[in-house]
Full PDB file with SEQRES, HELIX, SHEET, SSBOND, CRYST1, ORIGX, SCALE, CONECT and MASTER records, all heavy atoms in Angstrom:
SEQRES   1 A   34  ARG GLU ASN LEU PHE VAL ALA PRO THR TYR ALA SER ALA          
SEQRES   2 A   34  SER ALA SER GLN THR PHE THR LYS ALA ALA THR VAL ALA          
SEQRES   3 A   34  ILE SER ALA ALA PRO ILE GLN GLY                              
CRYST1    1.000    1.000    1.000  90.00  90.00  90.00 P 1           1          
ORIGX1      1.000000  0.000000  0.000000        0.00000                         
ORIGX2      0.000000  1.000000  0.000000        0.00000                         
ORIGX3      0.000000  0.000000  1.000000        0.00000                         
SCALE1      1.000000  0.000000  0.000000        0.00000                         
SCALE2      0.000000  1.000000  0.000000        0.00000                         
SCALE3      0.000000  0.000000  1.000000        0.00000                         
ATOM      1  N   ARG A   1      -1.645 -17.207   7.428  1.00  0.00           N  
ATOM      2  CA  ARG A   1      -0.682 -16.216   7.997  1.00  0.00           C  
ATOM      3  C   ARG A   1      -0.251 -16.773   9.324  1.00  0.00           C  
ATOM      4  O   ARG A   1      -1.002 -17.012  10.203  1.00  0.00           O  
ATOM      5  CB  ARG A   1      -1.476 -14.893   8.100  1.00  0.00           C  
ATOM      6  CG  ARG A   1      -1.886 -14.457   6.625  1.00  0.00           C  
ATOM      7  CD  ARG A   1      -2.874 -13.208   6.792  1.00  0.00           C  
ATOM      8  NE  ARG A   1      -4.170 -13.684   7.291  1.00  0.00           N  
ATOM      9  CZ  ARG A   1      -5.211 -12.927   7.272  1.00  0.00           C  
ATOM     10  NH1 ARG A   1      -5.090 -11.650   6.966  1.00  0.00           N  
ATOM     11  NH2 ARG A   1      -6.363 -13.408   7.758  1.00  0.00           N  
ATOM     12  N   GLU A   2       0.983 -16.808   9.440  1.00  0.00           N  
ATOM     13  CA  GLU A   2       1.642 -17.333  10.629  1.00  0.00           C  
ATOM     14  C   GLU A   2       1.490 -16.357  11.785  1.00  0.00           C  
ATOM     15  O   GLU A   2       1.223 -16.673  12.973  1.00  0.00           O  
ATOM     16  CB  GLU A   2       3.060 -17.656  10.396  1.00  0.00           C  
ATOM     17  CG  GLU A   2       3.707 -18.521  11.515  1.00  0.00           C  
ATOM     18  CD  GLU A   2       3.014 -19.891  11.589  1.00  0.00           C  
ATOM     19  OE1 GLU A   2       2.608 -20.449  10.568  1.00  0.00           O  
ATOM     20  OE2 GLU A   2       2.967 -20.452  12.754  1.00  0.00           O  
ATOM     21  N   ASN A   3       1.734 -14.991  11.508  1.00  0.00           N  
ATOM     22  CA  ASN A   3       1.657 -13.926  12.490  1.00  0.00           C  
ATOM     23  C   ASN A   3       0.610 -13.041  11.961  1.00  0.00           C  
ATOM     24  O   ASN A   3       0.878 -12.437  10.917  1.00  0.00           O  
ATOM     25  CB  ASN A   3       2.983 -13.360  12.814  1.00  0.00           C  
ATOM     26  CG  ASN A   3       3.830 -14.270  13.511  1.00  0.00           C  
ATOM     27  OD1 ASN A   3       3.570 -14.695  14.539  1.00  0.00           O  
ATOM     28  ND2 ASN A   3       4.990 -14.630  12.733  1.00  0.00           N  
ATOM     29  N   LEU A   4      -0.422 -12.636  12.695  1.00  0.00           N  
ATOM     30  CA  LEU A   4      -1.452 -11.775  12.225  1.00  0.00           C  
ATOM     31  C   LEU A   4      -1.744 -10.697  13.166  1.00  0.00           C  
ATOM     32  O   LEU A   4      -2.088 -11.035  14.429  1.00  0.00           O  
ATOM     33  CB  LEU A   4      -2.751 -12.613  11.878  1.00  0.00           C  
ATOM     34  CG  LEU A   4      -3.983 -11.750  11.487  1.00  0.00           C  
ATOM     35  CD1 LEU A   4      -3.703 -10.962  10.209  1.00  0.00           C  
ATOM     36  CD2 LEU A   4      -5.249 -12.657  11.364  1.00  0.00           C  
ATOM     37  N   PHE A   5      -1.527  -9.525  12.915  1.00  0.00           N  
ATOM     38  CA  PHE A   5      -1.939  -8.422  13.778  1.00  0.00           C  
ATOM     39  C   PHE A   5      -3.195  -7.877  13.224  1.00  0.00           C  
ATOM     40  O   PHE A   5      -3.311  -7.327  12.109  1.00  0.00           O  
ATOM     41  CB  PHE A   5      -0.785  -7.264  13.700  1.00  0.00           C  
ATOM     42  CG  PHE A   5       0.552  -7.757  14.248  1.00  0.00           C  
ATOM     43  CD1 PHE A   5       1.486  -8.295  13.285  1.00  0.00           C  
ATOM     44  CD2 PHE A   5       0.761  -7.717  15.598  1.00  0.00           C  
ATOM     45  CE1 PHE A   5       2.673  -8.721  13.778  1.00  0.00           C  
ATOM     46  CE2 PHE A   5       2.087  -8.190  16.091  1.00  0.00           C  
ATOM     47  CZ  PHE A   5       2.988  -8.628  15.154  1.00  0.00           C  
ATOM     48  N   VAL A   6      -4.318  -7.910  14.027  1.00  0.00           N  
ATOM     49  CA  VAL A   6      -5.531  -7.438  13.594  1.00  0.00           C  
ATOM     50  C   VAL A   6      -5.639  -5.914  14.021  1.00  0.00           C  
ATOM     51  O   VAL A   6      -5.324  -5.601  15.152  1.00  0.00           O  
ATOM     52  CB  VAL A   6      -6.669  -8.212  14.316  1.00  0.00           C  
ATOM     53  CG1 VAL A   6      -8.027  -7.773  13.858  1.00  0.00           C  
ATOM     54  CG2 VAL A   6      -6.572  -9.686  13.846  1.00  0.00           C  
ATOM     55  N   ALA A   7      -6.128  -5.171  13.058  1.00  0.00           N  
ATOM     56  CA  ALA A   7      -6.269  -3.714  13.353  1.00  0.00           C  
ATOM     57  C   ALA A   7      -7.248  -3.347  14.417  1.00  0.00           C  
ATOM     58  O   ALA A   7      -8.250  -3.888  14.449  1.00  0.00           O  
ATOM     59  CB  ALA A   7      -6.634  -2.996  12.055  1.00  0.00           C  
ATOM     60  N   PRO A   8      -6.704  -2.594  15.417  1.00  0.00           N  
ATOM     61  CA  PRO A   8      -7.598  -2.194  16.543  1.00  0.00           C  
ATOM     62  C   PRO A   8      -8.581  -1.150  16.036  1.00  0.00           C  
ATOM     63  O   PRO A   8      -8.408  -0.468  15.075  1.00  0.00           O  
ATOM     64  CB  PRO A   8      -6.624  -1.625  17.521  1.00  0.00           C  
ATOM     65  CG  PRO A   8      -5.600  -1.063  16.761  1.00  0.00           C  
ATOM     66  CD  PRO A   8      -5.422  -1.963  15.604  1.00  0.00           C  
ATOM     67  N   THR A   9      -9.683  -1.076  16.946  1.00  0.00           N  
ATOM     68  CA  THR A   9     -10.668   0.119  16.572  1.00  0.00           C  
ATOM     69  C   THR A   9     -10.405   1.120  17.776  1.00  0.00           C  
ATOM     70  O   THR A   9     -10.465   0.779  19.001  1.00  0.00           O  
ATOM     71  CB  THR A   9     -12.079  -0.317  16.643  1.00  0.00           C  
ATOM     72  OG1 THR A   9     -12.247  -1.442  15.593  1.00  0.00           O  
ATOM     73  CG2 THR A   9     -13.074   0.752  16.447  1.00  0.00           C  
ATOM     74  N   TYR A  10     -10.253   2.389  17.382  1.00  0.00           N  
ATOM     75  CA  TYR A  10     -10.066   3.378  18.365  1.00  0.00           C  
ATOM     76  C   TYR A  10     -11.340   4.229  18.324  1.00  0.00           C  
ATOM     77  O   TYR A  10     -11.863   4.668  17.305  1.00  0.00           O  
ATOM     78  CB  TYR A  10      -8.908   4.263  18.019  1.00  0.00           C  
ATOM     79  CG  TYR A  10      -7.629   3.635  17.977  1.00  0.00           C  
ATOM     80  CD1 TYR A  10      -6.650   4.029  16.943  1.00  0.00           C  
ATOM     81  CD2 TYR A  10      -7.201   2.743  18.936  1.00  0.00           C  
ATOM     82  CE1 TYR A  10      -5.387   3.388  16.894  1.00  0.00           C  
ATOM     83  CE2 TYR A  10      -5.990   2.032  18.820  1.00  0.00           C  
ATOM     84  CZ  TYR A  10      -5.070   2.437  17.942  1.00  0.00           C  
ATOM     85  OH  TYR A  10      -3.881   1.737  17.868  1.00  0.00           O  
ATOM     86  N   ALA A  11     -11.867   4.478  19.558  1.00  0.00           N  
ATOM     87  CA  ALA A  11     -13.144   5.194  19.741  1.00  0.00           C  
ATOM     88  C   ALA A  11     -12.967   6.204  20.885  1.00  0.00           C  
ATOM     89  O   ALA A  11     -12.085   6.164  21.576  1.00  0.00           O  
ATOM     90  CB  ALA A  11     -14.273   4.241  19.999  1.00  0.00           C  
ATOM     91  N   SER A  12     -13.932   7.093  21.036  1.00  0.00           N  
ATOM     92  CA  SER A  12     -13.854   8.033  22.048  1.00  0.00           C  
ATOM     93  C   SER A  12     -15.244   8.311  22.635  1.00  0.00           C  
ATOM     94  O   SER A  12     -16.257   8.190  21.946  1.00  0.00           O  
ATOM     95  CB  SER A  12     -13.407   9.407  21.510  1.00  0.00           C  
ATOM     96  OG  SER A  12     -13.312  10.390  22.539  1.00  0.00           O  
ATOM     97  N   ALA A  13     -15.392   8.545  23.962  1.00  0.00           N  
ATOM     98  CA  ALA A  13     -16.547   8.791  24.569  1.00  0.00           C  
ATOM     99  C   ALA A  13     -17.093  10.148  24.227  1.00  0.00           C  
ATOM    100  O   ALA A  13     -18.303  10.418  24.403  1.00  0.00           O  
ATOM    101  CB  ALA A  13     -16.448   8.592  26.111  1.00  0.00           C  
ATOM    102  N   SER A  14     -16.358  11.038  23.910  1.00  0.00           N  
ATOM    103  CA  SER A  14     -16.703  12.357  23.464  1.00  0.00           C  
ATOM    104  C   SER A  14     -16.386  12.710  22.035  1.00  0.00           C  
ATOM    105  O   SER A  14     -15.608  12.030  21.373  1.00  0.00           O  
ATOM    106  CB  SER A  14     -16.044  13.475  24.383  1.00  0.00           C  
ATOM    107  OG  SER A  14     -14.741  13.404  24.224  1.00  0.00           O  
ATOM    108  N   ALA A  15     -16.972  13.754  21.467  1.00  0.00           N  
ATOM    109  CA  ALA A  15     -16.812  14.118  20.096  1.00  0.00           C  
ATOM    110  C   ALA A  15     -15.465  14.710  19.819  1.00  0.00           C  
ATOM    111  O   ALA A  15     -14.841  15.127  20.722  1.00  0.00           O  
ATOM    112  CB  ALA A  15     -17.897  15.100  19.706  1.00  0.00           C  
ATOM    113  N   SER A  16     -15.027  14.784  18.559  1.00  0.00           N  
ATOM    114  CA  SER A  16     -13.841  15.408  18.203  1.00  0.00           C  
ATOM    115  C   SER A  16     -12.472  14.839  18.682  1.00  0.00           C  
ATOM    116  O   SER A  16     -11.540  15.554  18.962  1.00  0.00           O  
ATOM    117  CB  SER A  16     -13.866  16.947  18.569  1.00  0.00           C  
ATOM    118  OG  SER A  16     -15.040  17.459  17.806  1.00  0.00           O  
ATOM    119  N   GLN A  17     -12.472  13.554  18.998  1.00  0.00           N  
ATOM    120  CA  GLN A  17     -11.216  12.871  19.364  1.00  0.00           C  
ATOM    121  C   GLN A  17     -10.320  12.760  18.215  1.00  0.00           C  
ATOM    122  O   GLN A  17     -10.763  12.047  17.205  1.00  0.00           O  
ATOM    123  CB  GLN A  17     -11.427  11.559  20.090  1.00  0.00           C  
ATOM    124  CG  GLN A  17     -10.171  10.854  20.490  1.00  0.00           C  
ATOM    125  CD  GLN A  17      -9.465  11.506  21.595  1.00  0.00           C  
ATOM    126  OE1 GLN A  17      -9.958  11.996  22.588  1.00  0.00           O  
ATOM    127  NE2 GLN A  17      -8.134  11.799  21.460  1.00  0.00           N  
ATOM    128  N   THR A  18      -9.217  13.281  18.077  1.00  0.00           N  
ATOM    129  CA  THR A  18      -8.316  13.207  16.892  1.00  0.00           C  
ATOM    130  C   THR A  18      -7.031  12.392  17.127  1.00  0.00           C  
ATOM    131  O   THR A  18      -6.314  12.666  18.247  1.00  0.00           O  
ATOM    132  CB  THR A  18      -7.904  14.703  16.429  1.00  0.00           C  
ATOM    133  OG1 THR A  18      -9.009  15.439  16.173  1.00  0.00           O  
ATOM    134  CG2 THR A  18      -7.001  14.652  15.266  1.00  0.00           C  
ATOM    135  N   PHE A  19      -6.868  11.482  16.391  1.00  0.00           N  
ATOM    136  CA  PHE A  19      -5.587  10.655  16.351  1.00  0.00           C  
ATOM    137  C   PHE A  19      -4.746  11.244  15.219  1.00  0.00           C  
ATOM    138  O   PHE A  19      -5.043  10.851  14.035  1.00  0.00           O  
ATOM    139  CB  PHE A  19      -5.777   9.141  16.220  1.00  0.00           C  
ATOM    140  CG  PHE A  19      -6.615   8.602  17.396  1.00  0.00           C  
ATOM    141  CD1 PHE A  19      -8.040   8.599  17.366  1.00  0.00           C  
ATOM    142  CD2 PHE A  19      -6.103   8.238  18.519  1.00  0.00           C  
ATOM    143  CE1 PHE A  19      -8.840   8.118  18.282  1.00  0.00           C  
ATOM    144  CE2 PHE A  19      -6.738   7.687  19.662  1.00  0.00           C  
ATOM    145  CZ  PHE A  19      -8.223   7.612  19.469  1.00  0.00           C  
ATOM    146  N   THR A  20      -3.658  11.999  15.542  1.00  0.00           N  
ATOM    147  CA  THR A  20      -2.815  12.504  14.399  1.00  0.00           C  
ATOM    148  C   THR A  20      -2.225  11.335  13.540  1.00  0.00           C  
ATOM    149  O   THR A  20      -2.122  11.503  12.385  1.00  0.00           O  
ATOM    150  CB  THR A  20      -1.738  13.368  15.015  1.00  0.00           C  
ATOM    151  OG1 THR A  20      -2.467  14.464  15.783  1.00  0.00           O  
ATOM    152  CG2 THR A  20      -0.953  14.156  13.896  1.00  0.00           C  
ATOM    153  N   LYS A  21      -1.671  10.394  14.292  1.00  0.00           N  
ATOM    154  CA  LYS A  21      -1.143   9.205  13.659  1.00  0.00           C  
ATOM    155  C   LYS A  21      -1.583   7.910  14.409  1.00  0.00           C  
ATOM    156  O   LYS A  21      -1.598   8.058  15.652  1.00  0.00           O  
ATOM    157  CB  LYS A  21       0.395   9.306  13.587  1.00  0.00           C  
ATOM    158  CG  LYS A  21       0.958  10.349  12.760  1.00  0.00           C  
ATOM    159  CD  LYS A  21       2.505  10.312  12.744  1.00  0.00           C  
ATOM    160  CE  LYS A  21       2.974  11.462  11.818  1.00  0.00           C  
ATOM    161  NZ  LYS A  21       4.452  11.389  11.731  1.00  0.00           N  
ATOM    162  N   ALA A  22      -1.927   6.919  13.701  1.00  0.00           N  
ATOM    163  CA  ALA A  22      -2.255   5.675  14.430  1.00  0.00           C  
ATOM    164  C   ALA A  22      -1.843   4.525  13.446  1.00  0.00           C  
ATOM    165  O   ALA A  22      -1.688   4.585  12.279  1.00  0.00           O  
ATOM    166  CB  ALA A  22      -3.825   5.575  14.474  1.00  0.00           C  
ATOM    167  N   ALA A  23      -1.234   3.530  14.136  1.00  0.00           N  
ATOM    168  CA  ALA A  23      -0.531   2.398  13.433  1.00  0.00           C  
ATOM    169  C   ALA A  23      -0.844   1.070  14.166  1.00  0.00           C  
ATOM    170  O   ALA A  23      -0.849   1.113  15.353  1.00  0.00           O  
ATOM    171  CB  ALA A  23       0.918   2.581  13.270  1.00  0.00           C  
ATOM    172  N   THR A  24      -1.091  -0.001  13.433  1.00  0.00           N  
ATOM    173  CA  THR A  24      -1.264  -1.363  13.994  1.00  0.00           C  
ATOM    174  C   THR A  24       0.138  -1.874  14.461  1.00  0.00           C  
ATOM    175  O   THR A  24       0.171  -2.445  15.475  1.00  0.00           O  
ATOM    176  CB  THR A  24      -1.945  -2.255  13.031  1.00  0.00           C  
ATOM    177  OG1 THR A  24      -3.225  -1.729  12.677  1.00  0.00           O  
ATOM    178  CG2 THR A  24      -2.098  -3.664  13.652  1.00  0.00           C  
ATOM    179  N   VAL A  25       1.044  -1.574  13.659  1.00  0.00           N  
ATOM    180  CA  VAL A  25       2.452  -1.988  13.998  1.00  0.00           C  
ATOM    181  C   VAL A  25       3.373  -0.813  13.709  1.00  0.00           C  
ATOM    182  O   VAL A  25       3.286  -0.236  12.581  1.00  0.00           O  
ATOM    183  CB  VAL A  25       2.988  -3.195  13.224  1.00  0.00           C  
ATOM    184  CG1 VAL A  25       4.442  -3.459  13.522  1.00  0.00           C  
ATOM    185  CG2 VAL A  25       2.089  -4.421  13.484  1.00  0.00           C  
ATOM    186  N   ALA A  26       4.216  -0.420  14.558  1.00  0.00           N  
ATOM    187  CA  ALA A  26       5.227   0.711  14.384  1.00  0.00           C  
ATOM    188  C   ALA A  26       6.585   0.217  14.797  1.00  0.00           C  
ATOM    189  O   ALA A  26       6.727  -0.396  15.869  1.00  0.00           O  
ATOM    190  CB  ALA A  26       4.748   1.892  15.202  1.00  0.00           C  
ATOM    191  N   ILE A  27       7.563   0.528  14.019  1.00  0.00           N  
ATOM    192  CA  ILE A  27       8.920   0.194  14.257  1.00  0.00           C  
ATOM    193  C   ILE A  27       9.638   1.532  14.526  1.00  0.00           C  
ATOM    194  O   ILE A  27       9.668   2.351  13.596  1.00  0.00           O  
ATOM    195  CB  ILE A  27       9.595  -0.584  13.196  1.00  0.00           C  
ATOM    196  CG1 ILE A  27       8.859  -1.863  12.955  1.00  0.00           C  
ATOM    197  CG2 ILE A  27      11.073  -0.852  13.526  1.00  0.00           C  
ATOM    198  CD1 ILE A  27       9.191  -2.620  11.782  1.00  0.00           C  
ATOM    199  N   SER A  28      10.125   1.766  15.703  1.00  0.00           N  
ATOM    200  CA  SER A  28      10.665   3.095  16.046  1.00  0.00           C  
ATOM    201  C   SER A  28      11.980   3.358  15.242  1.00  0.00           C  
ATOM    202  O   SER A  28      12.219   4.500  14.956  1.00  0.00           O  
ATOM    203  CB  SER A  28      11.003   3.264  17.557  1.00  0.00           C  
ATOM    204  OG  SER A  28      11.976   2.362  17.840  1.00  0.00           O  
ATOM    205  N   ALA A  29      12.884   2.463  15.039  1.00  0.00           N  
ATOM    206  CA  ALA A  29      14.058   2.599  14.305  1.00  0.00           C  
ATOM    207  C   ALA A  29      14.763   1.255  14.068  1.00  0.00           C  
ATOM    208  O   ALA A  29      14.340   0.193  14.588  1.00  0.00           O  
ATOM    209  CB  ALA A  29      14.974   3.567  15.081  1.00  0.00           C  
ATOM    210  N   ALA A  30      15.854   1.372  13.320  1.00  0.00           N  
ATOM    211  CA  ALA A  30      16.691   0.219  13.238  1.00  0.00           C  
ATOM    212  C   ALA A  30      17.424  -0.061  14.556  1.00  0.00           C  
ATOM    213  O   ALA A  30      17.527   0.904  15.438  1.00  0.00           O  
ATOM    214  CB  ALA A  30      17.697   0.326  12.052  1.00  0.00           C  
ATOM    215  N   PRO A  31      18.046  -1.172  14.771  1.00  0.00           N  
ATOM    216  CA  PRO A  31      18.840  -1.413  15.953  1.00  0.00           C  
ATOM    217  C   PRO A  31      19.858  -0.326  16.182  1.00  0.00           C  
ATOM    218  O   PRO A  31      20.527   0.163  15.214  1.00  0.00           O  
ATOM    219  CB  PRO A  31      19.526  -2.755  15.753  1.00  0.00           C  
ATOM    220  CG  PRO A  31      18.609  -3.510  14.779  1.00  0.00           C  
ATOM    221  CD  PRO A  31      18.078  -2.368  13.918  1.00  0.00           C  
ATOM    222  N   ILE A  32      20.063   0.151  17.458  1.00  0.00           N  
ATOM    223  CA  ILE A  32      20.865   1.176  17.778  1.00  0.00           C  
ATOM    224  C   ILE A  32      22.294   0.749  18.155  1.00  0.00           C  
ATOM    225  O   ILE A  32      22.423  -0.213  19.119  1.00  0.00           O  
ATOM    226  CB  ILE A  32      20.389   2.140  18.822  1.00  0.00           C  
ATOM    227  CG1 ILE A  32      18.986   2.767  18.304  1.00  0.00           C  
ATOM    228  CG2 ILE A  32      21.320   3.155  19.298  1.00  0.00           C  
ATOM    229  CD1 ILE A  32      18.092   3.396  19.350  1.00  0.00           C  
ATOM    230  N   GLN A  33      23.396   1.231  17.690  1.00  0.00           N  
ATOM    231  CA  GLN A  33      24.710   0.755  18.047  1.00  0.00           C  
ATOM    232  C   GLN A  33      25.036   1.297  19.453  1.00  0.00           C  
ATOM    233  O   GLN A  33      25.076   2.519  19.645  1.00  0.00           O  
ATOM    234  CB  GLN A  33      25.735   1.295  17.078  1.00  0.00           C  
ATOM    235  CG  GLN A  33      27.080   0.856  17.197  1.00  0.00           C  
ATOM    236  CD  GLN A  33      28.007   1.257  16.009  1.00  0.00           C  
ATOM    237  OE1 GLN A  33      27.710   0.794  14.938  1.00  0.00           O  
ATOM    238  NE2 GLN A  33      28.978   1.936  16.411  1.00  0.00           N  
ATOM    239  N   GLY A  34      25.190   0.365  20.446  1.00  0.00           N  
ATOM    240  CA  GLY A  34      25.525   0.778  21.751  1.00  0.00           C  
ATOM    241  C   GLY A  34      27.057   0.763  22.087  1.00  0.00           C  
ATOM    242  O   GLY A  34      27.863   0.594  21.145  1.00  0.00           O  
TER     243      GLY A  34                                                      
MASTER        0    0    0    0    0    0    0    6  242    1    0    3          
END                                                                             
């Protein structure tokens, strides 16, 4: 694999930490016409 993104581990020091959405790679949108 030429480019490898390894999934991170998310943790919390206290109970009940909720991540509604989590992604290793996220693309916000296609290029925007300026």
